[in-house]
Amino acid sequence: MIQYRLKFPEYFDGYEVETEAKGYLVDVVVSTGKATFTLTIYDPARLAQEIADELSSGGYFSLSNVLVVPAVTKAEILRAVDSLARTEFSGLNPIP
């Protein structure tokens, strides 16, 4: 498994319950020795709402580096990022 460092947004500490209730978290940063990725985390219900909102307004939905977890909690995010590390973060787009 590739080594990485995970950085949550500064506002996340102390607002974890609110973040879980909202169902999304932006600007989660994963750094390896070779690349850095910025993730947007959603739970399935919130992602469905975002997609529906965009489509109903005549638009489309497109977002790079989306990670969908059962609940937007630190534990679920860590579990998912650990799984991604085993794939060396394949499928994610690094920050140029």
PDB file of N, CA and C in Angstrom:
ATOM      1  N   MET A   1       0.856  -1.190   0.000  1.00  0.00           N
ATOM      2  CA  MET A   1       0.000   0.000   0.000  1.00  0.00           C
ATOM      3  C   MET A   1       0.891   1.238   0.000  1.00  0.00           C
ATOM      4  N   ILE A   2       0.536   2.194  -0.806  1.00  0.00           N
ATOM      5  CA  ILE A   2       1.275   3.440  -0.898  1.00  0.00           C
ATOM      6  C   ILE A   2       1.045   4.279   0.367  1.00  0.00           C
ATOM      7  N   GLN A   3       2.076   4.924   0.836  1.00  0.00           N
ATOM      8  CA  GLN A   3       1.967   5.795   2.000  1.00  0.00           C
ATOM      9  C   GLN A   3       1.336   7.126   1.574  1.00  0.00           C
ATOM     10  N   TYR A   4       0.538   7.686   2.455  1.00  0.00           N
ATOM     11  CA  TYR A   4      -0.123   8.946   2.145  1.00  0.00           C
ATOM     12  C   TYR A   4      -0.345   9.744   3.423  1.00  0.00           C
ATOM     13  N   ARG A   5      -0.675  10.990   3.222  1.00  0.00           N
ATOM     14  CA  ARG A   5      -1.062  11.872   4.319  1.00  0.00           C
ATOM     15  C   ARG A   5      -2.431  12.447   3.974  1.00  0.00           C
ATOM     16  N   LEU A   6      -3.332  12.407   4.931  1.00  0.00           N
ATOM     17  CA  LEU A   6      -4.698  12.881   4.722  1.00  0.00           C
ATOM     18  C   LEU A   6      -4.908  14.135   5.554  1.00  0.00           C
ATOM     19  N   LYS A   7      -5.398  15.179   4.895  1.00  0.00           N
ATOM     20  CA  LYS A   7      -5.642  16.441   5.595  1.00  0.00           C
ATOM     21  C   LYS A   7      -7.103  16.840   5.401  1.00  0.00           C
ATOM     22  N   PHE A   8      -7.794  16.968   6.526  1.00  0.00           N
ATOM     23  CA  PHE A   8      -9.171  17.439   6.501  1.00  0.00           C
ATOM     24  C   PHE A   8      -9.180  18.964   6.558  1.00  0.00           C
ATOM     25  N   PRO A   9     -10.229  19.604   6.054  1.00  0.00           N
ATOM     26  CA  PRO A   9     -10.318  21.065   6.178  1.00  0.00           C
ATOM     27  C   PRO A   9     -10.289  21.471   7.656  1.00  0.00           C
ATOM     28  N   GLU A  10      -9.734  22.628   7.943  1.00  0.00           N
ATOM     29  CA  GLU A  10      -9.612  23.091   9.329  1.00  0.00           C
ATOM     30  C   GLU A  10     -10.955  23.155  10.042  1.00  0.00           C
ATOM     31  N   TYR A  11     -11.996  23.514   9.342  1.00  0.00           N
ATOM     32  CA  TYR A  11     -13.322  23.648   9.972  1.00  0.00           C
ATOM     33  C   TYR A  11     -13.937  22.302  10.353  1.00  0.00           C
ATOM     34  N   PHE A  12     -13.386  21.193   9.862  1.00  0.00           N
ATOM     35  CA  PHE A  12     -13.998  19.884  10.097  1.00  0.00           C
ATOM     36  C   PHE A  12     -13.962  19.491  11.573  1.00  0.00           C
ATOM     37  N   ASP A  13     -12.855  19.746  12.248  1.00  0.00           N
ATOM     38  CA  ASP A  13     -12.770  19.428  13.677  1.00  0.00           C
ATOM     39  C   ASP A  13     -13.794  20.251  14.447  1.00  0.00           C
ATOM     40  N   GLY A  14     -14.606  19.578  15.187  1.00  0.00           N
ATOM     41  CA  GLY A  14     -15.646  20.246  15.952  1.00  0.00           C
ATOM     42  C   GLY A  14     -16.982  20.342  15.225  1.00  0.00           C
ATOM     43  N   TYR A  15     -16.983  20.052  13.923  1.00  0.00           N
ATOM     44  CA  TYR A  15     -18.216  20.125  13.139  1.00  0.00           C
ATOM     45  C   TYR A  15     -18.502  18.807  12.428  1.00  0.00           C
ATOM     46  N   GLU A  16     -17.961  17.720  12.983  1.00  0.00           N
ATOM     47  CA  GLU A  16     -18.126  16.420  12.335  1.00  0.00           C
ATOM     48  C   GLU A  16     -19.583  15.977  12.292  1.00  0.00           C
ATOM     49  N   VAL A  17     -20.342  16.238  13.335  1.00  0.00           N
ATOM     50  CA  VAL A  17     -21.753  15.844  13.356  1.00  0.00           C
ATOM     51  C   VAL A  17     -22.531  16.623  12.294  1.00  0.00           C
ATOM     52  N   GLU A  18     -22.275  17.906  12.193  1.00  0.00           N
ATOM     53  CA  GLU A  18     -22.958  18.729  11.193  1.00  0.00           C
ATOM     54  C   GLU A  18     -22.587  18.303   9.774  1.00  0.00           C
ATOM     55  N   THR A  19     -21.312  17.986   9.591  1.00  0.00           N
ATOM     56  CA  THR A  19     -20.847  17.549   8.275  1.00  0.00           C
ATOM     57  C   THR A  19     -21.518  16.245   7.872  1.00  0.00           C
ATOM     58  N   GLU A  20     -21.628  15.312   8.809  1.00  0.00           N
ATOM     59  CA  GLU A  20     -22.305  14.049   8.513  1.00  0.00           C
ATOM     60  C   GLU A  20     -23.762  14.305   8.145  1.00  0.00           C
ATOM     61  N   ALA A  21     -24.418  15.205   8.853  1.00  0.00           N
ATOM     62  CA  ALA A  21     -25.825  15.508   8.574  1.00  0.00           C
ATOM     63  C   ALA A  21     -25.998  16.153   7.194  1.00  0.00           C
ATOM     64  N   LYS A  22     -25.056  16.992   6.788  1.00  0.00           N
ATOM     65  CA  LYS A  22     -25.131  17.628   5.471  1.00  0.00           C
ATOM     66  C   LYS A  22     -24.857  16.637   4.347  1.00  0.00           C
ATOM     67  N   GLY A  23     -24.041  15.635   4.640  1.00  0.00           N
ATOM     68  CA  GLY A  23     -23.777  14.600   3.647  1.00  0.00           C
ATOM     69  C   GLY A  23     -22.695  14.918   2.650  1.00  0.00           C
ATOM     70  N   TYR A  24     -21.904  15.939   2.912  1.00  0.00           N
ATOM     71  CA  TYR A  24     -20.793  16.219   2.002  1.00  0.00           C
ATOM     72  C   TYR A  24     -19.677  16.955   2.733  1.00  0.00           C
ATOM     73  N   LEU A  25     -18.493  16.849   2.153  1.00  0.00           N
ATOM     74  CA  LEU A  25     -17.311  17.522   2.684  1.00  0.00           C
ATOM     75  C   LEU A  25     -16.402  17.823   1.505  1.00  0.00           C
ATOM     76  N   VAL A  26     -15.942  19.045   1.392  1.00  0.00           N
ATOM     77  CA  VAL A  26     -15.060  19.445   0.293  1.00  0.00           C
ATOM     78  C   VAL A  26     -13.654  19.719   0.820  1.00  0.00           C
ATOM     79  N   ASP A  27     -12.724  19.730  -0.111  1.00  0.00           N
ATOM     80  CA  ASP A  27     -11.330  20.101   0.168  1.00  0.00           C
ATOM     81  C   ASP A  27     -10.614  19.158   1.122  1.00  0.00           C
ATOM     82  N   VAL A  28     -10.868  17.872   0.998  1.00  0.00           N
ATOM     83  CA  VAL A  28     -10.083  16.865   1.708  1.00  0.00           C
ATOM     84  C   VAL A  28      -8.871  16.591   0.819  1.00  0.00           C
ATOM     85  N   VAL A  29      -7.685  16.702   1.383  1.00  0.00           N
ATOM     86  CA  VAL A  29      -6.458  16.602   0.592  1.00  0.00           C
ATOM     87  C   VAL A  29      -5.702  15.335   0.962  1.00  0.00           C
ATOM     88  N   VAL A  30      -5.337  14.583  -0.070  1.00  0.00           N
ATOM     89  CA  VAL A  30      -4.514  13.389   0.092  1.00  0.00           C
ATOM     90  C   VAL A  30      -3.192  13.653  -0.619  1.00  0.00           C
ATOM     91  N   SER A  31      -2.099  13.471   0.111  1.00  0.00           N
ATOM     92  CA  SER A  31      -0.776  13.681  -0.469  1.00  0.00           C
ATOM     93  C   SER A  31       0.040  12.405  -0.365  1.00  0.00           C
ATOM     94  N   THR A  32       0.690  12.057  -1.451  1.00  0.00           N
ATOM     95  CA  THR A  32       1.661  10.976  -1.456  1.00  0.00           C
ATOM     96  C   THR A  32       3.002  11.642  -1.742  1.00  0.00           C
ATOM     97  N   GLY A  33       4.037  10.898  -1.825  1.00  0.00           N
ATOM     98  CA  GLY A  33       5.327  11.491  -2.175  1.00  0.00           C
ATOM     99  C   GLY A  33       5.378  11.986  -3.607  1.00  0.00           C
ATOM    100  N   LYS A  34       4.427  11.513  -4.430  1.00  0.00           N
ATOM    101  CA  LYS A  34       4.466  11.814  -5.859  1.00  0.00           C
ATOM    102  C   LYS A  34       3.326  12.688  -6.357  1.00  0.00           C
ATOM    103  N   ALA A  35       2.212  12.723  -5.632  1.00  0.00           N
ATOM    104  CA  ALA A  35       1.037  13.448  -6.123  1.00  0.00           C
ATOM    105  C   ALA A  35       0.178  13.924  -4.959  1.00  0.00           C
ATOM    106  N   THR A  36      -0.650  14.921  -5.267  1.00  0.00           N
ATOM    107  CA  THR A  36      -1.621  15.444  -4.308  1.00  0.00           C
ATOM    108  C   THR A  36      -2.979  15.469  -4.984  1.00  0.00           C
ATOM    109  N   PHE A  37      -3.999  15.040  -4.235  1.00  0.00           N
ATOM    110  CA  PHE A  37      -5.365  14.976  -4.743  1.00  0.00           C
ATOM    111  C   PHE A  37      -6.277  15.750  -3.807  1.00  0.00           C
ATOM    112  N   THR A  38      -7.226  16.460  -4.366  1.00  0.00           N
ATOM    113  CA  THR A  38      -8.269  17.105  -3.580  1.00  0.00           C
ATOM    114  C   THR A  38      -9.566  16.337  -3.818  1.00  0.00           C
ATOM    115  N   LEU A  39     -10.192  15.895  -2.720  1.00  0.00           N
ATOM    116  CA  LEU A  39     -11.400  15.081  -2.812  1.00  0.00           C
ATOM    117  C   LEU A  39     -12.635  15.847  -2.363  1.00  0.00           C
ATOM    118  N   THR A  40     -13.741  15.529  -2.981  1.00  0.00           N
ATOM    119  CA  THR A  40     -15.050  15.943  -2.519  1.00  0.00           C
ATOM    120  C   THR A  40     -15.765  14.676  -2.081  1.00  0.00           C
ATOM    121  N   ILE A  41     -16.221  14.656  -0.831  1.00  0.00           N
ATOM    122  CA  ILE A  41     -16.825  13.473  -0.242  1.00  0.00           C
ATOM    123  C   ILE A  41     -18.341  13.671  -0.164  1.00  0.00           C
ATOM    124  N   TYR A  42     -19.093  12.649  -0.585  1.00  0.00           N
ATOM    125  CA  TYR A  42     -20.555  12.669  -0.502  1.00  0.00           C
ATOM    126  C   TYR A  42     -21.051  11.379   0.124  1.00  0.00           C
ATOM    127  N   ASP A  43     -22.222  11.448   0.747  1.00  0.00           N
ATOM    128  CA  ASP A  43     -22.951  10.218   1.028  1.00  0.00           C
ATOM    129  C   ASP A  43     -23.902  10.011  -0.157  1.00  0.00           C
ATOM    130  N   PRO A  44     -24.425   8.822  -0.355  1.00  0.00           N
ATOM    131  CA  PRO A  44     -25.246   8.555  -1.544  1.00  0.00           C
ATOM    132  C   PRO A  44     -26.473   9.457  -1.684  1.00  0.00           C
ATOM    133  N   ALA A  45     -27.151   9.734  -0.582  1.00  0.00           N
ATOM    134  CA  ALA A  45     -28.367  10.561  -0.659  1.00  0.00           C
ATOM    135  C   ALA A  45     -28.040  11.983  -1.097  1.00  0.00           C
ATOM    136  N   ARG A  46     -27.007  12.562  -0.538  1.00  0.00           N
ATOM    137  CA  ARG A  46     -26.648  13.937  -0.898  1.00  0.00           C
ATOM    138  C   ARG A  46     -26.163  14.018  -2.335  1.00  0.00           C
ATOM    139  N   LEU A  47     -25.406  13.022  -2.775  1.00  0.00           N
ATOM    140  CA  LEU A  47     -24.951  13.020  -4.160  1.00  0.00           C
ATOM    141  C   LEU A  47     -26.143  12.952  -5.111  1.00  0.00           C
ATOM    142  N   ALA A  48     -27.121  12.117  -4.803  1.00  0.00           N
ATOM    143  CA  ALA A  48     -28.319  12.033  -5.635  1.00  0.00           C
ATOM    144  C   ALA A  48     -29.042  13.377  -5.699  1.00  0.00           C
ATOM    145  N   GLN A  49     -29.112  14.085  -4.566  1.00  0.00           N
ATOM    146  CA  GLN A  49     -29.732  15.414  -4.546  1.00  0.00           C
ATOM    147  C   GLN A  49     -28.964  16.395  -5.428  1.00  0.00           C
ATOM    148  N   GLU A  50     -27.642  16.379  -5.317  1.00  0.00           N
ATOM    149  CA  GLU A  50     -26.822  17.297  -6.120  1.00  0.00           C
ATOM    150  C   GLU A  50     -27.022  17.041  -7.610  1.00  0.00           C
ATOM    151  N   ILE A  51     -27.013  15.766  -7.979  1.00  0.00           N
ATOM    152  CA  ILE A  51     -27.192  15.428  -9.387  1.00  0.00           C
ATOM    153  C   ILE A  51     -28.572  15.852  -9.861  1.00  0.00           C
ATOM    154  N   ALA A  52     -29.604  15.549  -9.093  1.00  0.00           N
ATOM    155  CA  ALA A  52     -30.972  15.930  -9.476  1.00  0.00           C
ATOM    156  C   ALA A  52     -31.113  17.439  -9.601  1.00  0.00           C
ATOM    157  N   ASP A  53     -30.550  18.184  -8.680  1.00  0.00           N
ATOM    158  CA  ASP A  53     -30.618  19.649  -8.738  1.00  0.00           C
ATOM    159  C   ASP A  53     -29.964  20.188 -10.010  1.00  0.00           C
ATOM    160  N   GLU A  54     -28.801  19.667 -10.332  1.00  0.00           N
ATOM    161  CA  GLU A  54     -28.107  20.133 -11.536  1.00  0.00           C
ATOM    162  C   GLU A  54     -28.885  19.787 -12.803  1.00  0.00           C
ATOM    163  N   LEU A  55     -29.401  18.572 -12.874  1.00  0.00           N
ATOM    164  CA  LEU A  55     -30.127  18.159 -14.067  1.00  0.00           C
ATOM    165  C   LEU A  55     -31.453  18.882 -14.224  1.00  0.00           C
ATOM    166  N   SER A  56     -32.137  19.142 -13.113  1.00  0.00           N
ATOM    167  CA  SER A  56     -33.429  19.826 -13.205  1.00  0.00           C
ATOM    168  C   SER A  56     -33.284  21.288 -13.616  1.00  0.00           C
ATOM    169  N   SER A  57     -32.122  21.842 -13.411  1.00  0.00           N
ATOM    170  CA  SER A  57     -31.907  23.227 -13.817  1.00  0.00           C
ATOM    171  C   SER A  57     -31.399  23.309 -15.254  1.00  0.00           C
ATOM    172  N   GLY A  58     -31.496  22.194 -15.966  1.00  0.00           N
ATOM    173  CA  GLY A  58     -31.107  22.185 -17.375  1.00  0.00           C
ATOM    174  C   GLY A  58     -29.622  21.992 -17.583  1.00  0.00           C
ATOM    175  N   GLY A  59     -28.922  21.657 -16.528  1.00  0.00           N
ATOM    176  CA  GLY A  59     -27.480  21.495 -16.634  1.00  0.00           C
ATOM    177  C   GLY A  59     -27.057  20.051 -16.703  1.00  0.00           C
ATOM    178  N   TYR A  60     -25.905  19.828 -16.209  1.00  0.00           N
ATOM    179  CA  TYR A  60     -25.330  18.492 -16.138  1.00  0.00           C
ATOM    180  C   TYR A  60     -24.518  18.415 -14.860  1.00  0.00           C
ATOM    181  N   PHE A  61     -24.073  17.242 -14.505  1.00  0.00           N
ATOM    182  CA  PHE A  61     -23.265  17.082 -13.302  1.00  0.00           C
ATOM    183  C   PHE A  61     -21.916  16.509 -13.693  1.00  0.00           C
ATOM    184  N   SER A  62     -20.868  17.187 -13.304  1.00  0.00           N
ATOM    185  CA  SER A  62     -19.519  16.721 -13.571  1.00  0.00           C
ATOM    186  C   SER A  62     -18.626  17.214 -12.440  1.00  0.00           C
ATOM    187  N   LEU A  63     -17.928  16.283 -11.826  1.00  0.00           N
ATOM    188  CA  LEU A  63     -17.043  16.660 -10.728  1.00  0.00           C
ATOM    189  C   LEU A  63     -15.933  15.628 -10.624  1.00  0.00           C
ATOM    190  N   SER A  64     -14.724  16.091 -10.641  1.00  0.00           N
ATOM    191  CA  SER A  64     -13.572  15.202 -10.544  1.00  0.00           C
ATOM    192  C   SER A  64     -13.283  14.848  -9.089  1.00  0.00           C
ATOM    193  N   ASN A  65     -12.741  13.675  -8.875  1.00  0.00           N
ATOM    194  CA  ASN A  65     -12.287  13.234  -7.557  1.00  0.00           C
ATOM    195  C   ASN A  65     -13.391  13.203  -6.506  1.00  0.00           C
ATOM    196  N   VAL A  66     -14.533  12.664  -6.905  1.00  0.00           N
ATOM    197  CA  VAL A  66     -15.643  12.467  -5.983  1.00  0.00           C
ATOM    198  C   VAL A  66     -15.481  11.109  -5.306  1.00  0.00           C
ATOM    199  N   LEU A  67     -15.642  11.097  -4.004  1.00  0.00           N
ATOM    200  CA  LEU A  67     -15.580   9.871  -3.219  1.00  0.00           C
ATOM    201  C   LEU A  67     -16.914   9.726  -2.505  1.00  0.00           C
ATOM    202  N   VAL A  68     -17.607   8.622  -2.737  1.00  0.00           N
ATOM    203  CA  VAL A  68     -18.902   8.377  -2.113  1.00  0.00           C
ATOM    204  C   VAL A  68     -18.715   7.334  -1.014  1.00  0.00           C
ATOM    205  N   VAL A  69     -19.145   7.696   0.182  1.00  0.00           N
ATOM    206  CA  VAL A  69     -19.027   6.826   1.356  1.00  0.00           C
ATOM    207  C   VAL A  69     -20.419   6.656   1.972  1.00  0.00           C
ATOM    208  N   PRO A  70     -20.618   5.595   2.755  1.00  0.00           N
ATOM    209  CA  PRO A  70     -21.942   5.386   3.361  1.00  0.00           C
ATOM    210  C   PRO A  70     -22.393   6.547   4.240  1.00  0.00           C
ATOM    211  N   ALA A  71     -21.463   7.162   4.952  1.00  0.00           N
ATOM    212  CA  ALA A  71     -21.748   8.326   5.796  1.00  0.00           C
ATOM    213  C   ALA A  71     -20.487   9.183   5.816  1.00  0.00           C
ATOM    214  N   VAL A  72     -20.667  10.488   5.819  1.00  0.00           N
ATOM    215  CA  VAL A  72     -19.521  11.395   5.783  1.00  0.00           C
ATOM    216  C   VAL A  72     -18.988  11.574   7.207  1.00  0.00           C
ATOM    217  N   THR A  73     -18.252  10.556   7.630  1.00  0.00           N
ATOM    218  CA  THR A  73     -17.610  10.558   8.943  1.00  0.00           C
ATOM    219  C   THR A  73     -16.115  10.346   8.741  1.00  0.00           C
ATOM    220  N   LYS A  74     -15.341  10.734   9.732  1.00  0.00           N
ATOM    221  CA  LYS A  74     -13.898  10.552   9.647  1.00  0.00           C
ATOM    222  C   LYS A  74     -13.553   9.077   9.452  1.00  0.00           C
ATOM    223  N   ALA A  75     -14.228   8.196  10.185  1.00  0.00           N
ATOM    224  CA  ALA A  75     -13.936   6.768  10.082  1.00  0.00           C
ATOM    225  C   ALA A  75     -14.210   6.229   8.677  1.00  0.00           C
ATOM    226  N   GLU A  76     -15.334   6.609   8.089  1.00  0.00           N
ATOM    227  CA  GLU A  76     -15.672   6.132   6.743  1.00  0.00           C
ATOM    228  C   GLU A  76     -14.723   6.705   5.696  1.00  0.00           C
ATOM    229  N   ILE A  77     -14.349   7.957   5.855  1.00  0.00           N
ATOM    230  CA  ILE A  77     -13.414   8.570   4.910  1.00  0.00           C
ATOM    231  C   ILE A  77     -12.056   7.879   4.999  1.00  0.00           C
ATOM    232  N   LEU A  78     -11.579   7.633   6.212  1.00  0.00           N
ATOM    233  CA  LEU A  78     -10.297   6.946   6.388  1.00  0.00           C
ATOM    234  C   LEU A  78     -10.332   5.552   5.770  1.00  0.00           C
ATOM    235  N   ARG A  79     -11.433   4.832   5.977  1.00  0.00           N
ATOM    236  CA  ARG A  79     -11.563   3.491   5.411  1.00  0.00           C
ATOM    237  C   ARG A  79     -11.498   3.545   3.887  1.00  0.00           C
ATOM    238  N   ALA A  80     -12.210   4.481   3.293  1.00  0.00           N
ATOM    239  CA  ALA A  80     -12.241   4.592   1.837  1.00  0.00           C
ATOM    240  C   ALA A  80     -10.882   5.015   1.276  1.00  0.00           C
ATOM    241  N   VAL A  81     -10.231   5.957   1.926  1.00  0.00           N
ATOM    242  CA  VAL A  81      -8.925   6.413   1.442  1.00  0.00           C
ATOM    243  C   VAL A  81      -7.889   5.302   1.592  1.00  0.00           C
ATOM    244  N   ASP A  82      -7.958   4.523   2.649  1.00  0.00           N
ATOM    245  CA  ASP A  82      -7.074   3.361   2.782  1.00  0.00           C
ATOM    246  C   ASP A  82      -7.266   2.399   1.606  1.00  0.00           C
ATOM    247  N   SER A  83      -8.509   2.186   1.219  1.00  0.00           N
ATOM    248  CA  SER A  83      -8.790   1.313   0.072  1.00  0.00           C
ATOM    249  C   SER A  83      -8.214   1.902  -1.209  1.00  0.00           C
ATOM    250  N   LEU A  84      -8.362   3.203  -1.383  1.00  0.00           N
ATOM    251  CA  LEU A  84      -7.787   3.862  -2.560  1.00  0.00           C
ATOM    252  C   LEU A  84      -6.264   3.762  -2.566  1.00  0.00           C
ATOM    253  N   ALA A  85      -5.651   3.834  -1.414  1.00  0.00           N
ATOM    254  CA  ALA A  85      -4.190   3.743  -1.330  1.00  0.00           C
ATOM    255  C   ALA A  85      -3.701   2.391  -1.841  1.00  0.00           C
ATOM    256  N   ARG A  86      -4.491   1.354  -1.622  1.00  0.00           N
ATOM    257  CA  ARG A  86      -4.106   0.026  -2.115  1.00  0.00           C
ATOM    258  C   ARG A  86      -4.071  -0.030  -3.641  1.00  0.00           C
ATOM    259  N   THR A  87      -4.802   0.877  -4.281  1.00  0.00           N
ATOM    260  CA  THR A  87      -4.796   0.959  -5.747  1.00  0.00           C
ATOM    261  C   THR A  87      -3.850   2.059  -6.226  1.00  0.00           C
ATOM    262  N   GLU A  88      -3.084   2.618  -5.307  1.00  0.00           N
ATOM    263  CA  GLU A  88      -2.200   3.754  -5.588  1.00  0.00           C
ATOM    264  C   GLU A  88      -2.972   4.942  -6.140  1.00  0.00           C
ATOM    265  N   PHE A  89      -4.207   5.096  -5.664  1.00  0.00           N
ATOM    266  CA  PHE A  89      -5.094   6.207  -5.999  1.00  0.00           C
ATOM    267  C   PHE A  89      -5.400   6.265  -7.499  1.00  0.00           C
ATOM    268  N   SER A  90      -5.467   5.092  -8.108  1.00  0.00           N
ATOM    269  CA  SER A  90      -5.820   5.050  -9.527  1.00  0.00           C
ATOM    270  C   SER A  90      -7.256   5.553  -9.696  1.00  0.00           C
ATOM    271  N   GLY A  91      -7.482   6.230 -10.769  1.00  0.00           N
ATOM    272  CA  GLY A  91      -8.797   6.791 -11.036  1.00  0.00           C
ATOM    273  C   GLY A  91      -8.976   8.210 -10.529  1.00  0.00           C
ATOM    274  N   LEU A  92      -8.057   8.678  -9.697  1.00  0.00           N
ATOM    275  CA  LEU A  92      -8.128  10.063  -9.232  1.00  0.00           C
ATOM    276  C   LEU A  92      -7.214  10.944 -10.080  1.00  0.00           C
ATOM    277  N   ASN A  93      -7.594  12.198 -10.180  1.00  0.00           N
ATOM    278  CA  ASN A  93      -6.797  13.169 -10.928  1.00  0.00           C
ATOM    279  C   ASN A  93      -5.984  14.016  -9.960  1.00  0.00           C
ATOM    280  N   PRO A  94      -4.650  13.975 -10.083  1.00  0.00           N
ATOM    281  CA  PRO A  94      -3.825  14.784  -9.172  1.00  0.00           C
ATOM    282  C   PRO A  94      -3.926  16.262  -9.496  1.00  0.00           C
ATOM    283  N   ILE A  95      -3.602  17.064  -8.508  1.00  0.00           N
ATOM    284  CA  ILE A  95      -3.507  18.499  -8.714  1.00  0.00           C
ATOM    285  C   ILE A  95      -2.289  18.752  -9.601  1.00  0.00           C
ATOM    286  N   PRO A  96      -2.461  19.517 -10.667  1.00  0.00           N
ATOM    287  CA  PRO A  96      -1.299  19.767 -11.566  1.00  0.00           C
ATOM    288  C   PRO A  96      -0.227  20.583 -10.876  1.00  0.00           C
TER     289      PRO A  96
END
